[in-house]
Amino acid sequence: MKISALLTQLRNHCPGLANQVAVGVDLALLQGNGALPTPSAHVTPIADPASPGTAQNATRQAVRDRIAITLVLDATDGARALDQLDDLRAELWRALVGFKPGAAYNPIEYDGGELVSLTATRLFYQLRFFAEFQLGRNLASQPAETWRERELDGLPSFAGVTVRVDAIDPSDPNLKHPGPDGRLELTFSGDVTQ
């Protein structure tokens, strides 16, 4: 999913973060950076597991885009930090749970959270969210999303069919084994009109 949509949503709907929302690259880097503003939130894509395909003759897979939001809080006053954590978690839930990050996505759901670290000066808490989408289109008129769909889109259109029938006559005395004799008994054609 596009991280920019999440950043905008958090900046617009989480006043407790005072617009301190950024992309978080690595948890260890965040923990080692003593200059991070508090409170702040750092959004990181963490995984995109996919379920097995659901169709036999097409590609249709549910993909779950998972993201982590790491909250960084000032922990010099432990009770205040934990109260602030409770308030910010509620703001994140109100901002993200049920939000659709794109037209192809289902609404975002909460996947849990955990305390990452707590020192005398910093509290790091990570919340996980996910949104699912389908890989593989539903209609042939939609753009291709997989190689198979692109390959099928490149085939010529079906314009019609001609059928030639060579009937099997097991009682034909000229044949040693029953089977087609090479004489066409029936021919017909059909054109596809749109």
C-alpha atoms as a PDB file:
ATOM      1  CA  MET A   1       0.000   0.000   0.000  1.00  0.00           C
ATOM      2  CA  LYS A   2       1.086   3.566  -0.480  1.00  0.00           C
ATOM      3  CA  ILE A   3       2.725   4.799   2.710  1.00  0.00           C
ATOM      4  CA  SER A   4       1.997   8.418   1.758  1.00  0.00           C
ATOM      5  CA  ALA A   5      -1.757   7.788   2.238  1.00  0.00           C
ATOM      6  CA  LEU A   6      -1.107   6.486   5.758  1.00  0.00           C
ATOM      7  CA  LEU A   7       1.205   9.383   6.643  1.00  0.00           C
ATOM      8  CA  THR A   8      -1.432  11.891   5.516  1.00  0.00           C
ATOM      9  CA  GLN A   9      -4.179  10.071   7.430  1.00  0.00           C
ATOM     10  CA  LEU A  10      -2.113  10.029  10.640  1.00  0.00           C
ATOM     11  CA  ARG A  11      -1.054  13.677  10.300  1.00  0.00           C
ATOM     12  CA  ASN A  12      -4.665  14.753   9.765  1.00  0.00           C
ATOM     13  CA  HIS A  13      -6.298  12.598  12.465  1.00  0.00           C
ATOM     14  CA  CYS A  14      -3.758  12.185  15.280  1.00  0.00           C
ATOM     15  CA  PRO A  15      -3.426  15.584  16.981  1.00  0.00           C
ATOM     16  CA  GLY A  16      -1.502  14.043  19.896  1.00  0.00           C
ATOM     17  CA  LEU A  17       1.427  13.410  17.556  1.00  0.00           C
ATOM     18  CA  ALA A  18       1.674  17.123  16.662  1.00  0.00           C
ATOM     19  CA  ASN A  19       2.413  16.226  13.019  1.00  0.00           C
ATOM     20  CA  GLN A  20       5.505  14.195  14.038  1.00  0.00           C
ATOM     21  CA  VAL A  21       4.809  11.302  11.636  1.00  0.00           C
ATOM     22  CA  ALA A  22       7.538   9.855   9.420  1.00  0.00           C
ATOM     23  CA  VAL A  23       8.645   6.715   7.624  1.00  0.00           C
ATOM     24  CA  GLY A  24      10.538   4.410   9.976  1.00  0.00           C
ATOM     25  CA  VAL A  25      13.260   2.467   8.259  1.00  0.00           C
ATOM     26  CA  ASP A  26      14.723   0.265  10.987  1.00  0.00           C
ATOM     27  CA  LEU A  27      13.814  -0.182  14.646  1.00  0.00           C
ATOM     28  CA  ALA A  28      17.461  -0.354  15.731  1.00  0.00           C
ATOM     29  CA  LEU A  29      18.158   2.979  13.995  1.00  0.00           C
ATOM     30  CA  LEU A  30      15.155   4.552  15.692  1.00  0.00           C
ATOM     31  CA  GLN A  31      16.291   3.300  19.091  1.00  0.00           C
ATOM     32  CA  GLY A  32      19.816   4.606  18.517  1.00  0.00           C
ATOM     33  CA  ASN A  33      18.652   8.094  17.513  1.00  0.00           C
ATOM     34  CA  GLY A  34      18.525  10.216  20.661  1.00  0.00           C
ATOM     35  CA  ALA A  35      17.339  13.262  18.714  1.00  0.00           C
ATOM     36  CA  LEU A  36      13.931  11.841  17.758  1.00  0.00           C
ATOM     37  CA  PRO A  37      11.087  14.168  18.715  1.00  0.00           C
ATOM     38  CA  THR A  38       8.608  12.870  21.271  1.00  0.00           C
ATOM     39  CA  PRO A  39       5.925  11.933  20.809  1.00  0.00           C
ATOM     40  CA  SER A  40       6.403  10.694  17.251  1.00  0.00           C
ATOM     41  CA  ALA A  41       5.184   7.856  15.049  1.00  0.00           C
ATOM     42  CA  HIS A  42       7.226   5.971  12.463  1.00  0.00           C
ATOM     43  CA  VAL A  43       5.419   3.928   9.795  1.00  0.00           C
ATOM     44  CA  THR A  44       7.145   0.878   8.303  1.00  0.00           C
ATOM     45  CA  PRO A  45       5.867  -1.752   5.843  1.00  0.00           C
ATOM     46  CA  ILE A  46       6.799  -5.109   7.380  1.00  0.00           C
ATOM     47  CA  ALA A  47       5.327  -7.946   5.281  1.00  0.00           C
ATOM     48  CA  ASP A  48       2.859  -8.923   2.581  1.00  0.00           C
ATOM     49  CA  PRO A  49       1.895 -12.582   3.056  1.00  0.00           C
ATOM     50  CA  ALA A  50      -0.386 -14.072   0.393  1.00  0.00           C
ATOM     51  CA  SER A  51      -2.914 -16.879   0.576  1.00  0.00           C
ATOM     52  CA  PRO A  52      -2.986 -19.664  -2.036  1.00  0.00           C
ATOM     53  CA  GLY A  53      -4.868 -18.952  -5.260  1.00  0.00           C
ATOM     54  CA  THR A  54      -8.639 -19.420  -5.192  1.00  0.00           C
ATOM     55  CA  ALA A  55      -9.263 -20.001  -8.921  1.00  0.00           C
ATOM     56  CA  GLN A  56      -8.216 -22.888 -11.147  1.00  0.00           C
ATOM     57  CA  ASN A  57      -7.970 -21.026 -14.451  1.00  0.00           C
ATOM     58  CA  ALA A  58      -6.984 -17.541 -13.243  1.00  0.00           C
ATOM     59  CA  THR A  59      -4.827 -15.823 -10.653  1.00  0.00           C
ATOM     60  CA  ARG A  60      -6.737 -14.672  -7.594  1.00  0.00           C
ATOM     61  CA  GLN A  61      -4.873 -14.386  -4.331  1.00  0.00           C
ATOM     62  CA  ALA A  62      -5.625 -12.446  -1.178  1.00  0.00           C
ATOM     63  CA  VAL A  63      -2.569 -10.413  -0.182  1.00  0.00           C
ATOM     64  CA  ARG A  64      -2.271  -8.913   3.294  1.00  0.00           C
ATOM     65  CA  ASP A  65      -0.126  -5.758   3.431  1.00  0.00           C
ATOM     66  CA  ARG A  66       1.144  -5.438   7.005  1.00  0.00           C
ATOM     67  CA  ILE A  67       2.559  -2.251   8.508  1.00  0.00           C
ATOM     68  CA  ALA A  68       4.064  -1.369  11.879  1.00  0.00           C
ATOM     69  CA  ILE A  69       3.767   1.989  13.563  1.00  0.00           C
ATOM     70  CA  THR A  70       6.409   2.613  16.200  1.00  0.00           C
ATOM     71  CA  LEU A  71       5.523   5.223  18.785  1.00  0.00           C
ATOM     72  CA  VAL A  72       8.423   7.041  20.447  1.00  0.00           C
ATOM     73  CA  LEU A  73       7.549   8.684  23.768  1.00  0.00           C
ATOM     74  CA  ASP A  74       9.442  10.595  26.448  1.00  0.00           C
ATOM     75  CA  ALA A  75       9.690   8.198  29.406  1.00  0.00           C
ATOM     76  CA  THR A  76      11.308  10.475  32.015  1.00  0.00           C
ATOM     77  CA  ASP A  77       7.945  10.404  33.816  1.00  0.00           C
ATOM     78  CA  GLY A  78       6.887   6.757  33.481  1.00  0.00           C
ATOM     79  CA  ALA A  79       3.243   7.173  34.508  1.00  0.00           C
ATOM     80  CA  ARG A  80       2.772  10.128  32.158  1.00  0.00           C
ATOM     81  CA  ALA A  81       4.388   8.172  29.297  1.00  0.00           C
ATOM     82  CA  LEU A  82       2.063   5.199  29.800  1.00  0.00           C
ATOM     83  CA  ASP A  83      -0.992   7.476  29.944  1.00  0.00           C
ATOM     84  CA  GLN A  84       0.168   9.193  26.752  1.00  0.00           C
ATOM     85  CA  LEU A  85       0.668   5.768  25.147  1.00  0.00           C
ATOM     86  CA  ASP A  86      -2.930   4.860  25.944  1.00  0.00           C
ATOM     87  CA  ASP A  87      -4.187   8.123  24.394  1.00  0.00           C
ATOM     88  CA  LEU A  88      -2.037   7.755  21.261  1.00  0.00           C
ATOM     89  CA  ARG A  89      -3.077   4.133  20.713  1.00  0.00           C
ATOM     90  CA  ALA A  90      -6.712   5.270  20.751  1.00  0.00           C
ATOM     91  CA  GLU A  91      -5.901   8.050  18.244  1.00  0.00           C
ATOM     92  CA  LEU A  92      -4.176   5.564  15.930  1.00  0.00           C
ATOM     93  CA  TRP A  93      -7.151   3.199  16.085  1.00  0.00           C
ATOM     94  CA  ARG A  94      -9.566   6.039  15.285  1.00  0.00           C
ATOM     95  CA  ALA A  95      -7.369   7.190  12.395  1.00  0.00           C
ATOM     96  CA  LEU A  96      -6.634   3.824  10.794  1.00  0.00           C
ATOM     97  CA  VAL A  97      -9.073   1.037  11.733  1.00  0.00           C
ATOM     98  CA  GLY A  98     -11.700   1.034   8.982  1.00  0.00           C
ATOM     99  CA  PHE A  99      -9.713   3.430   6.736  1.00  0.00           C
ATOM    100  CA  LYS A 100      -9.291   2.239   3.110  1.00  0.00           C
ATOM    101  CA  PRO A 101      -5.726   3.086   1.980  1.00  0.00           C
ATOM    102  CA  GLY A 102      -6.640   2.606  -1.691  1.00  0.00           C
ATOM    103  CA  ALA A 103      -9.516   1.597  -3.935  1.00  0.00           C
ATOM    104  CA  ALA A 104      -8.311  -2.011  -4.213  1.00  0.00           C
ATOM    105  CA  TYR A 105      -7.951  -2.497  -0.455  1.00  0.00           C
ATOM    106  CA  ASN A 106     -10.300  -3.703   2.240  1.00  0.00           C
ATOM    107  CA  PRO A 107     -10.450  -1.436   5.301  1.00  0.00           C
ATOM    108  CA  ILE A 108      -7.430  -1.508   7.625  1.00  0.00           C
ATOM    109  CA  GLU A 109      -7.615  -3.779  10.670  1.00  0.00           C
ATOM    110  CA  TYR A 110      -5.620  -3.788  13.898  1.00  0.00           C
ATOM    111  CA  ASP A 111      -3.227  -6.729  14.347  1.00  0.00           C
ATOM    112  CA  GLY A 112      -1.901  -6.082  17.878  1.00  0.00           C
ATOM    113  CA  GLY A 113       0.873  -4.195  19.582  1.00  0.00           C
ATOM    114  CA  GLU A 114       3.733  -4.642  22.010  1.00  0.00           C
ATOM    115  CA  LEU A 115       6.244  -2.783  24.099  1.00  0.00           C
ATOM    116  CA  VAL A 116       9.568  -2.791  22.268  1.00  0.00           C
ATOM    117  CA  SER A 117      11.702  -1.087  24.909  1.00  0.00           C
ATOM    118  CA  LEU A 118      11.457   1.162  27.918  1.00  0.00           C
ATOM    119  CA  THR A 119      14.477   3.031  29.262  1.00  0.00           C
ATOM    120  CA  ALA A 120      14.826   5.912  31.693  1.00  0.00           C
ATOM    121  CA  THR A 121      14.308   8.379  28.815  1.00  0.00           C
ATOM    122  CA  ARG A 122      12.461   6.627  25.968  1.00  0.00           C
ATOM    123  CA  LEU A 123       9.483   4.361  25.457  1.00  0.00           C
ATOM    124  CA  PHE A 124       9.140   2.496  22.150  1.00  0.00           C
ATOM    125  CA  TYR A 125       5.803   0.804  21.445  1.00  0.00           C
ATOM    126  CA  GLN A 126       4.950  -0.893  18.148  1.00  0.00           C
ATOM    127  CA  LEU A 127       1.433  -1.345  16.777  1.00  0.00           C
ATOM    128  CA  ARG A 128       0.720  -3.570  13.771  1.00  0.00           C
ATOM    129  CA  PHE A 129      -2.059  -3.054  11.222  1.00  0.00           C
ATOM    130  CA  PHE A 130      -2.996  -4.764   7.955  1.00  0.00           C
ATOM    131  CA  ALA A 131      -5.181  -4.306   4.892  1.00  0.00           C
ATOM    132  CA  GLU A 132      -5.963  -6.956   2.287  1.00  0.00           C
ATOM    133  CA  PHE A 133      -6.391  -6.732  -1.461  1.00  0.00           C
ATOM    134  CA  GLN A 134      -6.891  -9.222  -4.273  1.00  0.00           C
ATOM    135  CA  LEU A 135      -4.048  -9.936  -6.678  1.00  0.00           C
ATOM    136  CA  GLY A 136      -5.662 -10.759 -10.004  1.00  0.00           C
ATOM    137  CA  ARG A 137      -8.452  -8.931 -11.742  1.00  0.00           C
ATOM    138  CA  ASN A 138     -12.141  -9.807 -11.735  1.00  0.00           C
ATOM    139  CA  LEU A 139     -13.045  -8.606 -15.254  1.00  0.00           C
ATOM    140  CA  ALA A 140     -11.176  -8.889 -18.542  1.00  0.00           C
ATOM    141  CA  SER A 141     -11.783  -5.164 -19.089  1.00  0.00           C
ATOM    142  CA  GLN A 142      -9.602  -4.316 -16.054  1.00  0.00           C
ATOM    143  CA  PRO A 143      -5.829  -3.800 -16.457  1.00  0.00           C
ATOM    144  CA  ALA A 144      -3.635  -6.892 -16.166  1.00  0.00           C
ATOM    145  CA  GLU A 145      -2.171  -7.497 -12.688  1.00  0.00           C
ATOM    146  CA  THR A 146      -0.233 -10.728 -13.365  1.00  0.00           C
ATOM    147  CA  TRP A 147       1.888 -12.219 -16.147  1.00  0.00           C
ATOM    148  CA  ARG A 148      -0.857 -14.713 -17.053  1.00  0.00           C
ATOM    149  CA  GLU A 149      -3.393 -11.901 -17.501  1.00  0.00           C
ATOM    150  CA  ARG A 150      -0.938  -9.919 -19.620  1.00  0.00           C
ATOM    151  CA  GLU A 151      -0.266 -12.999 -21.732  1.00  0.00           C
ATOM    152  CA  LEU A 152      -3.999 -13.627 -22.280  1.00  0.00           C
ATOM    153  CA  ASP A 153      -4.549  -9.960 -23.173  1.00  0.00           C
ATOM    154  CA  GLY A 154      -2.031 -10.390 -26.020  1.00  0.00           C
ATOM    155  CA  LEU A 155      -3.977 -13.182 -27.725  1.00  0.00           C
ATOM    156  CA  PRO A 156      -6.066 -12.305 -30.790  1.00  0.00           C
ATOM    157  CA  SER A 157      -9.797 -11.989 -30.287  1.00  0.00           C
ATOM    158  CA  PHE A 158     -12.008 -15.012 -30.943  1.00  0.00           C
ATOM    159  CA  ALA A 159     -13.800 -14.254 -34.233  1.00  0.00           C
ATOM    160  CA  GLY A 160     -15.432 -17.562 -35.113  1.00  0.00           C
ATOM    161  CA  VAL A 161     -15.031 -21.265 -35.668  1.00  0.00           C
ATOM    162  CA  THR A 162     -15.220 -23.775 -38.535  1.00  0.00           C
ATOM    163  CA  VAL A 163     -15.959 -27.413 -37.712  1.00  0.00           C
ATOM    164  CA  ARG A 164     -15.192 -30.248 -40.147  1.00  0.00           C
ATOM    165  CA  VAL A 165     -16.560 -33.679 -39.228  1.00  0.00           C
ATOM    166  CA  ASP A 166     -15.116 -36.953 -40.473  1.00  0.00           C
ATOM    167  CA  ALA A 167     -17.542 -39.481 -39.003  1.00  0.00           C
ATOM    168  CA  ILE A 168     -16.426 -42.909 -37.912  1.00  0.00           C
ATOM    169  CA  ASP A 169     -18.287 -45.741 -39.609  1.00  0.00           C
ATOM    170  CA  PRO A 170     -17.223 -49.088 -38.111  1.00  0.00           C
ATOM    171  CA  SER A 171     -19.169 -50.993 -40.722  1.00  0.00           C
ATOM    172  CA  ASP A 172     -17.119 -49.651 -43.678  1.00  0.00           C
ATOM    173  CA  PRO A 173     -15.758 -52.819 -45.387  1.00  0.00           C
ATOM    174  CA  ASN A 174     -12.796 -50.850 -46.868  1.00  0.00           C
ATOM    175  CA  LEU A 175     -11.330 -50.133 -43.404  1.00  0.00           C
ATOM    176  CA  LYS A 176      -9.346 -52.625 -41.372  1.00  0.00           C
ATOM    177  CA  HIS A 177     -10.034 -50.739 -38.096  1.00  0.00           C
ATOM    178  CA  PRO A 178     -12.878 -48.408 -37.268  1.00  0.00           C
ATOM    179  CA  GLY A 179     -11.857 -44.790 -37.476  1.00  0.00           C
ATOM    180  CA  PRO A 180     -11.918 -41.666 -39.658  1.00  0.00           C
ATOM    181  CA  ASP A 181     -11.612 -42.424 -43.349  1.00  0.00           C
ATOM    182  CA  GLY A 182     -10.541 -38.964 -44.517  1.00  0.00           C
ATOM    183  CA  ARG A 183     -13.887 -38.088 -46.140  1.00  0.00           C
ATOM    184  CA  LEU A 184     -15.654 -35.057 -44.653  1.00  0.00           C
ATOM    185  CA  GLU A 185     -19.298 -35.794 -44.027  1.00  0.00           C
ATOM    186  CA  LEU A 186     -20.176 -32.418 -42.483  1.00  0.00           C
ATOM    187  CA  THR A 187     -18.766 -28.859 -42.408  1.00  0.00           C
ATOM    188  CA  PHE A 188     -20.220 -25.832 -40.663  1.00  0.00           C
ATOM    189  CA  SER A 189     -19.015 -22.402 -39.503  1.00  0.00           C
ATOM    190  CA  GLY A 190     -20.070 -19.866 -36.930  1.00  0.00           C
ATOM    191  CA  ASP A 191     -18.981 -16.238 -36.592  1.00  0.00           C
ATOM    192  CA  VAL A 192     -18.919 -14.376 -33.319  1.00  0.00           C
ATOM    193  CA  THR A 193     -20.655 -11.012 -33.515  1.00  0.00           C
ATOM    194  CA  GLN A 194     -20.502  -8.474 -30.752  1.00  0.00           C
END
